C-alpha atoms as a PDB file:
ATOM      1  CA  MET A   1      26.366  28.681  23.189  1.00  0.00           C
ATOM      2  CA  GLY A   2      29.698  29.867  22.094  1.00  0.00           C
ATOM      3  CA  VAL A   3      32.914  28.904  23.728  1.00  0.00           C
ATOM      4  CA  PHE A   4      30.718  27.326  27.222  1.00  0.00           C
ATOM      5  CA  VAL A   5      29.967  24.074  25.298  1.00  0.00           C
ATOM      6  CA  PHE A   6      33.635  23.056  25.337  1.00  0.00           C
ATOM      7  CA  LEU A   7      34.501  24.712  29.154  1.00  0.00           C
ATOM      8  CA  PRO A   8      33.483  22.097  31.084  1.00  0.00           C
ATOM      9  CA  LEU A   9      35.962  19.285  28.860  1.00  0.00           C
ATOM     10  CA  VAL A  10      39.323  21.048  30.763  1.00  0.00           C
ATOM     11  CA  LEU A  11      38.274  23.402  33.616  1.00  0.00           C
ATOM     12  CA  PRO A  12      39.011  19.891  35.385  1.00  0.00           C
ATOM     13  CA  LEU A  13      42.291  20.772  35.465  1.00  0.00           C
ATOM     14  CA  THR A  14      41.979  23.336  37.811  1.00  0.00           C
ATOM     15  CA  ALA A  15      40.945  20.170  40.477  1.00  0.00           C
ATOM     16  CA  TRP A  16      44.555  19.342  39.700  1.00  0.00           C
ATOM     17  CA  PRO A  17      46.297  20.979  42.761  1.00  0.00           C
ATOM     18  CA  ILE A  18      43.402  20.151  45.014  1.00  0.00           C
ATOM     19  CA  ALA A  19      44.024  16.618  44.008  1.00  0.00           C
ATOM     20  CA  ARG A  20      47.634  16.622  45.674  1.00  0.00           C
ATOM     21  CA  LEU A  21      47.171  19.090  48.058  1.00  0.00           C
ATOM     22  CA  ALA A  22      44.039  17.219  49.991  1.00  0.00           C
ATOM     23  CA  GLU A  23      45.445  14.642  51.098  1.00  0.00           C
ATOM     24  CA  GLN A  24      48.021  16.312  52.176  1.00  0.00           C
ATOM     25  CA  HIS A  25      46.561  19.485  54.768  1.00  0.00           C
ATOM     26  CA  LEU A  26      43.226  18.133  54.988  1.00  0.00           C
ATOM     27  CA  HIS A  27      41.449  16.086  57.450  1.00  0.00           C
ATOM     28  CA  PRO A  28      40.636  12.621  54.966  1.00  0.00           C
ATOM     29  CA  ARG A  29      37.121  13.051  55.342  1.00  0.00           C
ATOM     30  CA  THR A  30      36.581  16.222  54.052  1.00  0.00           C
ATOM     31  CA  ALA A  31      39.090  15.763  50.919  1.00  0.00           C
ATOM     32  CA  THR A  32      37.325  12.367  50.421  1.00  0.00           C
ATOM     33  CA  ARG A  33      33.877  14.146  49.745  1.00  0.00           C
ATOM     34  CA  LEU A  34      35.576  17.205  49.210  1.00  0.00           C
ATOM     35  CA  LEU A  35      37.918  14.972  45.427  1.00  0.00           C
ATOM     36  CA  THR A  36      34.146  12.957  45.390  1.00  0.00           C
ATOM     37  CA  GLY A  37      31.975  16.077  44.646  1.00  0.00           C
ATOM     38  CA  VAL A  38      34.142  18.326  42.381  1.00  0.00           C
ATOM     39  CA  ALA A  39      34.908  14.937  40.314  1.00  0.00           C
ATOM     40  CA  ALA A  40      30.951  13.800  39.988  1.00  0.00           C
ATOM     41  CA  VAL A  41      29.591  17.441  38.841  1.00  0.00           C
ATOM     42  CA  MET A  42      32.735  18.020  36.198  1.00  0.00           C
ATOM     43  CA  ALA A  43      32.442  14.380  35.157  1.00  0.00           C
ATOM     44  CA  ALA A  44      28.995  15.155  35.058  1.00  0.00           C
ATOM     45  CA  CYS A  45      29.483  18.570  33.103  1.00  0.00           C
ATOM     46  CA  SER A  46      31.587  17.499  30.253  1.00  0.00           C
ATOM     47  CA  THR A  47      29.989  14.329  29.481  1.00  0.00           C
ATOM     48  CA  LEU A  48      26.565  16.222  29.183  1.00  0.00           C
ATOM     49  CA  CYS A  49      28.825  18.977  26.959  1.00  0.00           C
ATOM     50  CA  LEU A  50      30.501  16.217  24.381  1.00  0.00           C
ATOM     51  CA  ALA A  51      26.873  14.916  23.997  1.00  0.00           C
ATOM     52  CA  LEU A  52      26.060  18.831  22.854  1.00  0.00           C
ATOM     53  CA  VAL A  53      29.142  19.207  20.878  1.00  0.00           C
ATOM     54  CA  MET A  54      28.041  16.151  18.715  1.00  0.00           C
ATOM     55  CA  VAL A  55      24.577  17.018  18.012  1.00  0.00           C
ATOM     56  CA  VAL A  56      26.099  20.965  17.352  1.00  0.00           C
ATOM     57  CA  GLY A  57      28.296  19.133  14.598  1.00  0.00           C
ATOM     58  CA  THR A  58      26.874  16.552  13.121  1.00  0.00           C
ATOM     59  CA  ALA A  59      23.141  18.917  12.636  1.00  0.00           C
ATOM     60  CA  GLN A  60      24.538  19.278   8.501  1.00  0.00           C
ATOM     61  CA  LEU A  61      25.263  15.782   8.589  1.00  0.00           C
ATOM     62  CA  PRO A  62      22.453  13.337   6.475  1.00  0.00           C
ATOM     63  CA  GLY A  63      20.035  11.429   8.847  1.00  0.00           C
ATOM     64  CA  ASN A  64      20.142  14.125  11.504  1.00  0.00           C
ATOM     65  CA  PRO A  65      17.286  13.932  13.630  1.00  0.00           C
ATOM     66  CA  LEU A  66      16.902  17.661  13.782  1.00  0.00           C
ATOM     67  CA  PRO A  67      14.319  20.413  12.285  1.00  0.00           C
ATOM     68  CA  ASP A  68      14.696  21.888   8.323  1.00  0.00           C
ATOM     69  CA  GLY A  69      14.587  25.287  10.688  1.00  0.00           C
ATOM     70  CA  TRP A  70      18.134  24.632  12.153  1.00  0.00           C
ATOM     71  CA  SER A  71      20.150  25.049   8.717  1.00  0.00           C
ATOM     72  CA  ASP A  72      19.081  28.686   8.573  1.00  0.00           C
ATOM     73  CA  PRO A  73      21.970  30.981   8.563  1.00  0.00           C
ATOM     74  CA  GLU A  74      20.367  32.899  11.890  1.00  0.00           C
ATOM     75  CA  VAL A  75      20.180  29.802  14.254  1.00  0.00           C
ATOM     76  CA  ARG A  76      24.093  28.268  12.465  1.00  0.00           C
ATOM     77  CA  ALA A  77      25.135  31.813  13.547  1.00  0.00           C
ATOM     78  CA  ALA A  78      23.968  31.255  17.039  1.00  0.00           C
ATOM     79  CA  VAL A  79      26.223  28.082  18.064  1.00  0.00           C
ATOM     80  CA  PRO A  80      29.507  27.204  17.295  1.00  0.00           C
ATOM     81  CA  TYR A  81      28.975  24.300  14.212  1.00  0.00           C
ATOM     82  CA  ASP A  82      32.290  22.793  13.295  1.00  0.00           C
ATOM     83  CA  GLU A  83      31.596  19.199  11.642  1.00  0.00           C
ATOM     84  CA  VAL A  84      35.218  18.271  12.079  1.00  0.00           C
ATOM     85  CA  VAL A  85      34.339  18.132  15.929  1.00  0.00           C
ATOM     86  CA  GLY A  86      30.891  16.914  15.838  1.00  0.00           C
ATOM     87  CA  LYS A  87      32.142  13.734  14.360  1.00  0.00           C
ATOM     88  CA  ALA A  88      34.637  13.366  16.785  1.00  0.00           C
ATOM     89  CA  ALA A  89      32.347  13.786  19.584  1.00  0.00           C
ATOM     90  CA  ILE A  90      30.379  10.244  18.371  1.00  0.00           C
ATOM     91  CA  PRO A  91      33.166   8.086  19.358  1.00  0.00           C
ATOM     92  CA  ALA A  92      34.216  10.020  22.302  1.00  0.00           C
ATOM     93  CA  LEU A  93      30.639   9.742  24.141  1.00  0.00           C
ATOM     94  CA  VAL A  94      29.926   6.512  22.577  1.00  0.00           C
ATOM     95  CA  ALA A  95      33.132   5.566  24.223  1.00  0.00           C
ATOM     96  CA  VAL A  96      32.460   6.839  27.770  1.00  0.00           C
ATOM     97  CA  LEU A  97      29.222   5.458  28.123  1.00  0.00           C
ATOM     98  CA  VAL A  98      30.290   2.048  27.253  1.00  0.00           C
ATOM     99  CA  VAL A  99      33.544   2.363  29.537  1.00  0.00           C
ATOM    100  CA  CYS A 100      31.188   3.504  32.028  1.00  0.00           C
ATOM    101  CA  GLY A 101      28.901   0.684  32.057  1.00  0.00           C
ATOM    102  CA  ARG A 102      31.417  -1.926  31.918  1.00  0.00           C
ATOM    103  CA  THR A 103      32.223  -0.535  34.898  1.00  0.00           C
ATOM    104  CA  TRP A 104      29.305  -0.357  36.697  1.00  0.00           C
ATOM    105  CA  TRP A 105      28.251  -3.689  34.949  1.00  0.00           C
ATOM    106  CA  ARG A 106      32.016  -5.223  35.897  1.00  0.00           C
ATOM    107  CA  HIS A 107      31.267  -4.008  39.988  1.00  0.00           C
ATOM    108  CA  ALA A 108      28.321  -5.376  40.552  1.00  0.00           C
ATOM    109  CA  ARG A 109      29.536  -8.643  39.364  1.00  0.00           C
ATOM    110  CA  VAL A 110      32.605  -8.516  41.177  1.00  0.00           C
ATOM    111  CA  ARG A 111      30.680  -8.037  44.470  1.00  0.00           C
ATOM    112  CA  ARG A 112      28.132 -10.306  43.324  1.00  0.00           C
ATOM    113  CA  ARG A 113      30.759 -13.336  43.153  1.00  0.00           C
ATOM    114  CA  ALA A 114      31.851 -12.091  46.048  1.00  0.00           C
ATOM    115  CA  HIS A 115      28.700 -12.738  48.439  1.00  0.00           C
ATOM    116  CA  ARG A 116      28.105 -16.078  46.387  1.00  0.00           C
ATOM    117  CA  ALA A 117      31.779 -17.056  47.305  1.00  0.00           C
ATOM    118  CA  LEU A 118      31.059 -16.634  51.077  1.00  0.00           C
ATOM    119  CA  ALA A 119      27.999 -18.613  50.640  1.00  0.00           C
ATOM    120  CA  GLY A 120      29.055 -21.514  52.478  1.00  0.00           C
ATOM    121  CA  LEU A 121      29.818 -19.525  55.768  1.00  0.00           C
ATOM    122  CA  ARG A 122      28.406 -18.136  58.748  1.00  0.00           C
ATOM    123  CA  ASN A 123      25.884 -15.473  57.368  1.00  0.00           C
ATOM    124  CA  THR A 124      27.516 -13.172  60.202  1.00  0.00           C
ATOM    125  CA  GLU A 125      28.863  -9.352  60.148  1.00  0.00           C
ATOM    126  CA  VAL A 126      32.578 -11.212  60.243  1.00  0.00           C
ATOM    127  CA  ALA A 127      32.933 -13.621  57.466  1.00  0.00           C
ATOM    128  CA  VAL A 128      36.562 -15.858  58.349  1.00  0.00           C
ATOM    129  CA  VAL A 129      37.566 -17.269  55.606  1.00  0.00           C
ATOM    130  CA  PRO A 130      39.569 -20.772  55.714  1.00  0.00           C
ATOM    131  CA  ASP A 131      42.865 -19.244  53.557  1.00  0.00           C
ATOM    132  CA  GLY A 132      46.829 -19.479  53.850  1.00  0.00           C
ATOM    133  CA  GLU A 133      46.753 -15.859  52.198  1.00  0.00           C
ATOM    134  CA  SER A 134      46.034 -12.910  54.043  1.00  0.00           C
ATOM    135  CA  TYR A 135      43.664 -10.329  52.946  1.00  0.00           C
ATOM    136  CA  ALA A 136      40.956  -9.151  54.588  1.00  0.00           C
ATOM    137  CA  TYR A 137      38.308  -6.273  52.385  1.00  0.00           C
ATOM    138  CA  ALA A 138      34.644  -4.608  53.184  1.00  0.00           C
ATOM    139  CA  LEU A 139      32.152  -6.041  51.160  1.00  0.00           C
ATOM    140  CA  PRO A 140      29.282  -4.061  51.127  1.00  0.00           C
ATOM    141  CA  GLY A 141      25.404  -5.184  51.401  1.00  0.00           C
ATOM    142  CA  GLY A 142      23.691  -4.170  47.849  1.00  0.00           C
ATOM    143  CA  GLY A 143      20.454  -5.694  49.931  1.00  0.00           C
ATOM    144  CA  ARG A 144      22.044  -8.087  51.290  1.00  0.00           C
ATOM    145  CA  ARG A 145      24.052  -7.517  54.770  1.00  0.00           C
ATOM    146  CA  ASP A 146      27.709  -5.625  54.812  1.00  0.00           C
ATOM    147  CA  ARG A 147      30.651  -7.767  55.793  1.00  0.00           C
ATOM    148  CA  VAL A 148      34.134  -7.860  56.538  1.00  0.00           C
ATOM    149  CA  VAL A 149      36.199 -10.738  54.963  1.00  0.00           C
ATOM    150  CA  VAL A 150      39.429 -11.789  56.694  1.00  0.00           C
ATOM    151  CA  THR A 151      41.033 -14.656  56.043  1.00  0.00           C
ATOM    152  CA  THR A 152      42.560 -17.333  58.859  1.00  0.00           C
ATOM    153  CA  GLY A 153      45.578 -16.431  57.693  1.00  0.00           C
ATOM    154  CA  LEU A 154      45.804 -12.771  58.120  1.00  0.00           C
ATOM    155  CA  LEU A 155      44.706 -13.444  61.594  1.00  0.00           C
ATOM    156  CA  LYS A 156      47.370 -15.631  62.648  1.00  0.00           C
ATOM    157  CA  CYS A 157      49.592 -12.659  61.430  1.00  0.00           C
ATOM    158  CA  LEU A 158      47.823  -9.709  64.083  1.00  0.00           C
ATOM    159  CA  GLU A 159      48.115  -9.700  67.871  1.00  0.00           C
ATOM    160  CA  PRO A 160      44.441  -8.789  69.275  1.00  0.00           C
ATOM    161  CA  ALA A 161      44.422  -5.129  69.434  1.00  0.00           C
ATOM    162  CA  GLU A 162      45.995  -5.431  66.100  1.00  0.00           C
ATOM    163  CA  ARG A 163      43.171  -7.409  64.674  1.00  0.00           C
ATOM    164  CA  ARG A 164      39.932  -5.165  66.527  1.00  0.00           C
ATOM    165  CA  ALA A 165      42.124  -2.378  64.952  1.00  0.00           C
ATOM    166  CA  LEU A 166      41.143  -4.495  61.105  1.00  0.00           C
ATOM    167  CA  PHE A 167      37.736  -4.718  61.869  1.00  0.00           C
ATOM    168  CA  ALA A 168      37.198  -1.268  63.284  1.00  0.00           C
ATOM    169  CA  HIS A 169      38.825  -0.746  59.464  1.00  0.00           C
ATOM    170  CA  GLU A 170      36.805  -2.449  57.622  1.00  0.00           C
ATOM    171  CA  ARG A 171      34.023  -1.519  59.087  1.00  0.00           C
ATOM    172  CA  ALA A 172      34.224   2.440  59.018  1.00  0.00           C
ATOM    173  CA  HIS A 173      35.101   1.478  54.717  1.00  0.00           C
ATOM    174  CA  LEU A 174      31.201   0.097  55.557  1.00  0.00           C
ATOM    175  CA  SER A 175      29.184   2.324  57.590  1.00  0.00           C
ATOM    176  CA  ALA A 176      31.051   5.735  55.321  1.00  0.00           C
ATOM    177  CA  ARG A 177      30.171   4.255  52.014  1.00  0.00           C
ATOM    178  CA  HIS A 178      33.744   4.170  50.857  1.00  0.00           C
ATOM    179  CA  HIS A 179      32.514   1.925  48.091  1.00  0.00           C
ATOM    180  CA  ARG A 180      29.827   4.603  46.504  1.00  0.00           C
ATOM    181  CA  LEU A 181      32.529   6.665  46.311  1.00  0.00           C
ATOM    182  CA  LEU A 182      35.065   4.867  45.249  1.00  0.00           C
ATOM    183  CA  LEU A 183      32.790   4.196  41.923  1.00  0.00           C
ATOM    184  CA  THR A 184      31.959   8.016  41.273  1.00  0.00           C
ATOM    185  CA  VAL A 185      35.334   8.986  41.030  1.00  0.00           C
ATOM    186  CA  ARG A 186      36.088   5.349  38.887  1.00  0.00           C
ATOM    187  CA  LEU A 187      33.291   6.931  36.531  1.00  0.00           C
ATOM    188  CA  ALA A 188      33.947  10.352  36.204  1.00  0.00           C
ATOM    189  CA  ALA A 189      38.194   9.423  36.088  1.00  0.00           C
ATOM    190  CA  GLN A 190      36.469   7.271  32.368  1.00  0.00           C
ATOM    191  CA  ALA A 191      34.066  10.253  31.679  1.00  0.00           C
ATOM    192  CA  ASN A 192      36.731  12.618  31.180  1.00  0.00           C
ATOM    193  CA  PRO A 193      40.727  11.473  31.674  1.00  0.00           C
ATOM    194  CA  PHE A 194      41.432  15.066  33.280  1.00  0.00           C
ATOM    195  CA  LEU A 195      39.906  13.647  36.604  1.00  0.00           C
ATOM    196  CA  ARG A 196      42.354  11.138  36.966  1.00  0.00           C
ATOM    197  CA  PRO A 197      43.806  12.748  39.863  1.00  0.00           C
ATOM    198  CA  LEU A 198      41.052  12.905  41.673  1.00  0.00           C
ATOM    199  CA  ARG A 199      40.505   9.172  41.490  1.00  0.00           C
ATOM    200  CA  THR A 200      44.062   8.490  42.591  1.00  0.00           C
ATOM    201  CA  ALA A 201      43.780  10.835  45.515  1.00  0.00           C
ATOM    202  CA  VAL A 202      40.127   9.438  47.280  1.00  0.00           C
ATOM    203  CA  SER A 203      41.660   5.716  47.115  1.00  0.00           C
ATOM    204  CA  TYR A 204      44.054   7.206  49.354  1.00  0.00           C
ATOM    205  CA  THR A 205      41.842   9.103  51.460  1.00  0.00           C
ATOM    206  CA  THR A 206      39.027   6.637  51.581  1.00  0.00           C
ATOM    207  CA  GLU A 207      42.258   4.681  53.285  1.00  0.00           C
ATOM    208  CA  ARG A 208      42.869   7.450  55.752  1.00  0.00           C
ATOM    209  CA  TRP A 209      39.508   8.323  56.567  1.00  0.00           C
ATOM    210  CA  ALA A 210      39.573   4.555  57.749  1.00  0.00           C
ATOM    211  CA  ASP A 211      41.976   4.877  59.534  1.00  0.00           C
ATOM    212  CA  GLU A 212      41.429   7.527  61.510  1.00  0.00           C
ATOM    213  CA  ASP A 213      37.995   6.115  62.437  1.00  0.00           C
ATOM    214  CA  ALA A 214      40.189   2.724  63.078  1.00  0.00           C
ATOM    215  CA  ALA A 215      42.102   4.866  65.438  1.00  0.00           C
ATOM    216  CA  GLN A 216      39.295   6.601  67.452  1.00  0.00           C
ATOM    217  CA  THR A 217      37.566   2.907  67.602  1.00  0.00           C
ATOM    218  CA  VAL A 218      40.710   1.322  69.546  1.00  0.00           C
ATOM    219  CA  GLY A 219      41.614   4.255  70.938  1.00  0.00           C
ATOM    220  CA  SER A 220      45.751   3.946  69.849  1.00  0.00           C
ATOM    221  CA  ARG A 221      46.735   5.361  66.729  1.00  0.00           C
ATOM    222  CA  ARG A 222      49.634   3.290  66.835  1.00  0.00           C
ATOM    223  CA  THR A 223      48.218  -0.614  67.171  1.00  0.00           C
ATOM    224  CA  VAL A 224      46.568   0.647  63.945  1.00  0.00           C
ATOM    225  CA  ALA A 225      49.610   1.550  62.470  1.00  0.00           C
ATOM    226  CA  ARG A 226      50.580  -1.435  63.431  1.00  0.00           C
ATOM    227  CA  ALA A 227      47.986  -3.230  62.360  1.00  0.00           C
ATOM    228  CA  ILE A 228      48.735  -2.076  58.250  1.00  0.00           C
ATOM    229  CA  GLY A 229      52.046  -2.354  58.480  1.00  0.00           C
ATOM    230  CA  LYS A 230      52.012  -6.284  59.336  1.00  0.00           C
ATOM    231  CA  ALA A 231      49.113  -6.690  56.926  1.00  0.00           C
ATOM    232  CA  ALA A 232      50.639  -4.752  53.885  1.00  0.00           C
ATOM    233  CA  LEU A 233      53.806  -7.062  55.356  1.00  0.00           C
ATOM    234  CA  VAL A 234      52.018 -10.311  55.076  1.00  0.00           C
ATOM    235  CA  SER A 235      49.450  -9.643  51.894  1.00  0.00           C
ATOM    236  CA  ARG A 236      52.143  -9.481  49.210  1.00  0.00           C
ATOM    237  CA  GLY A 237      51.725 -12.379  46.244  1.00  0.00           C
ATOM    238  CA  ALA A 238      47.604 -12.602  47.911  1.00  0.00           C
ATOM    239  CA  ALA A 239      46.554  -8.388  45.798  1.00  0.00           C
ATOM    240  CA  ALA A 240      45.287 -11.215  43.077  1.00  0.00           C
ATOM    241  CA  ALA A 241      42.415 -12.605  46.448  1.00  0.00           C
ATOM    242  CA  THR A 242      41.003 -10.293  47.278  1.00  0.00           C
ATOM    243  CA  PRO A 243      38.212  -8.827  44.950  1.00  0.00           C
ATOM    244  CA  ALA A 244      39.215  -6.151  42.546  1.00  0.00           C
ATOM    245  CA  GLY A 245      37.354  -2.597  43.769  1.00  0.00           C
ATOM    246  CA  LEU A 246      36.441  -3.497  46.919  1.00  0.00           C
ATOM    247  CA  ALA A 247      38.140  -1.448  50.122  1.00  0.00           C
ATOM    248  CA  GLY A 248      41.097  -3.411  52.341  1.00  0.00           C
ATOM    249  CA  LEU A 249      43.166  -3.179  55.100  1.00  0.00           C
ATOM    250  CA  ALA A 250      46.115  -2.656  52.489  1.00  0.00           C
ATOM    251  CA  ALA A 251      45.280  -2.663  49.485  1.00  0.00           C
ATOM    252  CA  ALA A 252      44.695   0.648  48.308  1.00  0.00           C
ATOM    253  CA  GLY A 253      47.277   3.911  49.035  1.00  0.00           C
ATOM    254  CA  PRO A 254      50.674   3.877  49.988  1.00  0.00           C
ATOM    255  CA  VAL A 255      51.146   1.932  52.996  1.00  0.00           C
ATOM    256  CA  PRO A 256      54.475   4.191  54.132  1.00  0.00           C
ATOM    257  CA  ARG A 257      52.529   7.515  54.184  1.00  0.00           C
ATOM    258  CA  ARG A 258      49.507   6.120  55.867  1.00  0.00           C
ATOM    259  CA  VAL A 259      51.612   4.518  58.648  1.00  0.00           C
ATOM    260  CA  ALA A 260      53.445   7.963  58.679  1.00  0.00           C
ATOM    261  CA  ALA A 261      50.480   9.861  59.331  1.00  0.00           C
ATOM    262  CA  LEU A 262      49.621   7.604  62.048  1.00  0.00           C
ATOM    263  CA  LEU A 263      52.277   8.029  63.396  1.00  0.00           C
ATOM    264  CA  GLY A 264      52.211  11.224  63.868  1.00  0.00           C
ATOM    265  CA  PRO A 265      49.246  13.906  65.191  1.00  0.00           C
ATOM    266  CA  ALA A 266      45.914  13.596  64.503  1.00  0.00           C
ATOM    267  CA  PRO A 267      44.316  15.689  61.459  1.00  0.00           C
ATOM    268  CA  ALA A 268      42.438  18.637  63.224  1.00  0.00           C
ATOM    269  CA  VAL A 269      38.529  18.596  61.198  1.00  0.00           C
ATOM    270  CA  ARG A 270      37.600  21.623  59.761  1.00  0.00           C
ATOM    271  CA  ALA A 271      34.699  21.974  57.352  1.00  0.00           C
ATOM    272  CA  TRP A 272      36.994  24.288  54.710  1.00  0.00           C
ATOM    273  CA  PRO A 273      40.284  25.530  54.547  1.00  0.00           C
ATOM    274  CA  SER A 274      41.307  29.421  55.110  1.00  0.00           C
ATOM    275  CA  LEU A 275      42.004  30.824  51.312  1.00  0.00           C
ATOM    276  CA  PHE A 276      45.438  32.395  53.070  1.00  0.00           C
ATOM    277  CA  THR A 277      46.948  28.996  52.818  1.00  0.00           C
ATOM    278  CA  ALA A 278      47.728  26.690  49.620  1.00  0.00           C
ATOM    279  CA  VAL A 279      45.231  24.065  49.853  1.00  0.00           C
ATOM    280  CA  GLY A 280      42.512  26.934  50.528  1.00  0.00           C
ATOM    281  CA  VAL A 281      43.352  28.387  46.998  1.00  0.00           C
ATOM    282  CA  ALA A 282      44.039  25.511  44.905  1.00  0.00           C
ATOM    283  CA  ALA A 283      40.070  24.142  46.625  1.00  0.00           C
ATOM    284  CA  TRP A 284      38.480  27.364  46.115  1.00  0.00           C
ATOM    285  CA  GLY A 285      39.762  26.869  43.253  1.00  0.00           C
ATOM    286  CA  ALA A 286      38.773  23.506  42.364  1.00  0.00           C
ATOM    287  CA  ALA A 287      35.265  24.896  43.454  1.00  0.00           C
ATOM    288  CA  THR A 288      35.232  27.489  41.426  1.00  0.00           C
ATOM    289  CA  GLY A 289      35.718  25.339  38.479  1.00  0.00           C
ATOM    290  CA  ALA A 290      33.221  23.131  39.079  1.00  0.00           C
ATOM    291  CA  VAL A 291      30.405  25.913  39.489  1.00  0.00           C
ATOM    292  CA  VAL A 292      32.402  27.541  36.254  1.00  0.00           C
ATOM    293  CA  SER A 293      31.386  23.617  34.566  1.00  0.00           C
ATOM    294  CA  ALA A 294      27.742  23.625  35.668  1.00  0.00           C
ATOM    295  CA  MET A 295      27.328  26.848  34.819  1.00  0.00           C
ATOM    296  CA  SER A 296      28.050  26.655  31.014  1.00  0.00           C
ATOM    297  CA  SER A 297      26.510  23.239  31.023  1.00  0.00           C
ATOM    298  CA  ALA A 298      23.058  24.533  32.103  1.00  0.00           C
ATOM    299  CA  ASN A 299      24.118  27.363  29.389  1.00  0.00           C
ATOM    300  CA  SER A 300      24.632  25.696  26.742  1.00  0.00           C
ATOM    301  CA  ALA A 301      21.780  23.139  27.559  1.00  0.00           C
ATOM    302  CA  VAL A 302      19.079  25.759  27.644  1.00  0.00           C
ATOM    303  CA  THR A 303      20.628  27.576  24.302  1.00  0.00           C
ATOM    304  CA  MET A 304      20.017  24.690  22.392  1.00  0.00           C
ATOM    305  CA  VAL A 305      16.299  23.459  23.822  1.00  0.00           C
ATOM    306  CA  LEU A 306      15.976  27.579  22.755  1.00  0.00           C
ATOM    307  CA  ILE A 307      17.565  27.192  19.705  1.00  0.00           C
ATOM    308  CA  LEU A 308      15.448  24.229  18.989  1.00  0.00           C
ATOM    309  CA  HIS A 309      12.367  25.457  19.888  1.00  0.00           C
ATOM    310  CA  ALA A 310      12.574  28.450  17.841  1.00  0.00           C
ATOM    311  CA  ALA A 311      13.561  26.222  15.093  1.00  0.00           C
ATOM    312  CA  THR A 312      10.737  23.648  15.121  1.00  0.00           C
ATOM    313  CA  PRO A 313       7.661  24.656  12.734  1.00  0.00           C
ATOM    314  CA  LEU A 314       4.634  24.971  14.931  1.00  0.00           C
END
């Protein structure tokens, strides 16, 4: 196992450059998928290796479930034994599992409460809430119907074309299943704090992705920009009314940057950036880090299984 068991814990640092550059130089769809995939792989690998460090480091503690042959000098020489690190890995792994489990449960609870709050309204694709506050968000179904929720207060502030941009934006969130991507990077950042920059970047790129899809639907980037700007101005102070964790027109991402991007030319759609650019180097660095992390965790896991098999008496 050696140093390989510790590499996935720090390899997320290789993704920091792409977290900053992807949102600036890649198409939002490409950036979102790249950052989410890298975050998911690195989080899974670091959590696995944290569990392996715990097992290896605590093997000599009384009451451990490992076979007696684990204490043989030849077996101990094949694994990195550090009782202090192993003991520290126990509360760290428990904290990761508890925090991720709580986040998953809260996400499901928010969606259930949001659906219950709409129980008295007609079961249509767009749910108009009679509320003077100005907010809108995309509510995934989860076994029920996907819905766009908007208040009468916000609709009154928008012109007909801007309303179409609003609905197109929220439908883009639902059709691309952005709530799953956002939940994935949120769990990844809680599993490994080094992945927090990717969570921040994805919260922005998902909004930009929905912005670009809405612009294609309504046929006017300026209309979408105007709708975002108006929604941001009238939604100040209404953030508490929007269910946490659900995507909205002006709920996430720096609004001035989104408006400026829409007022400029449409981003080029390309599957992968050129290696001879800064974003290309950063993307390849993050991809390499994810691959090395996967290989290191796989090597450590296989080594652990082989050692346990060899140390177990027949």
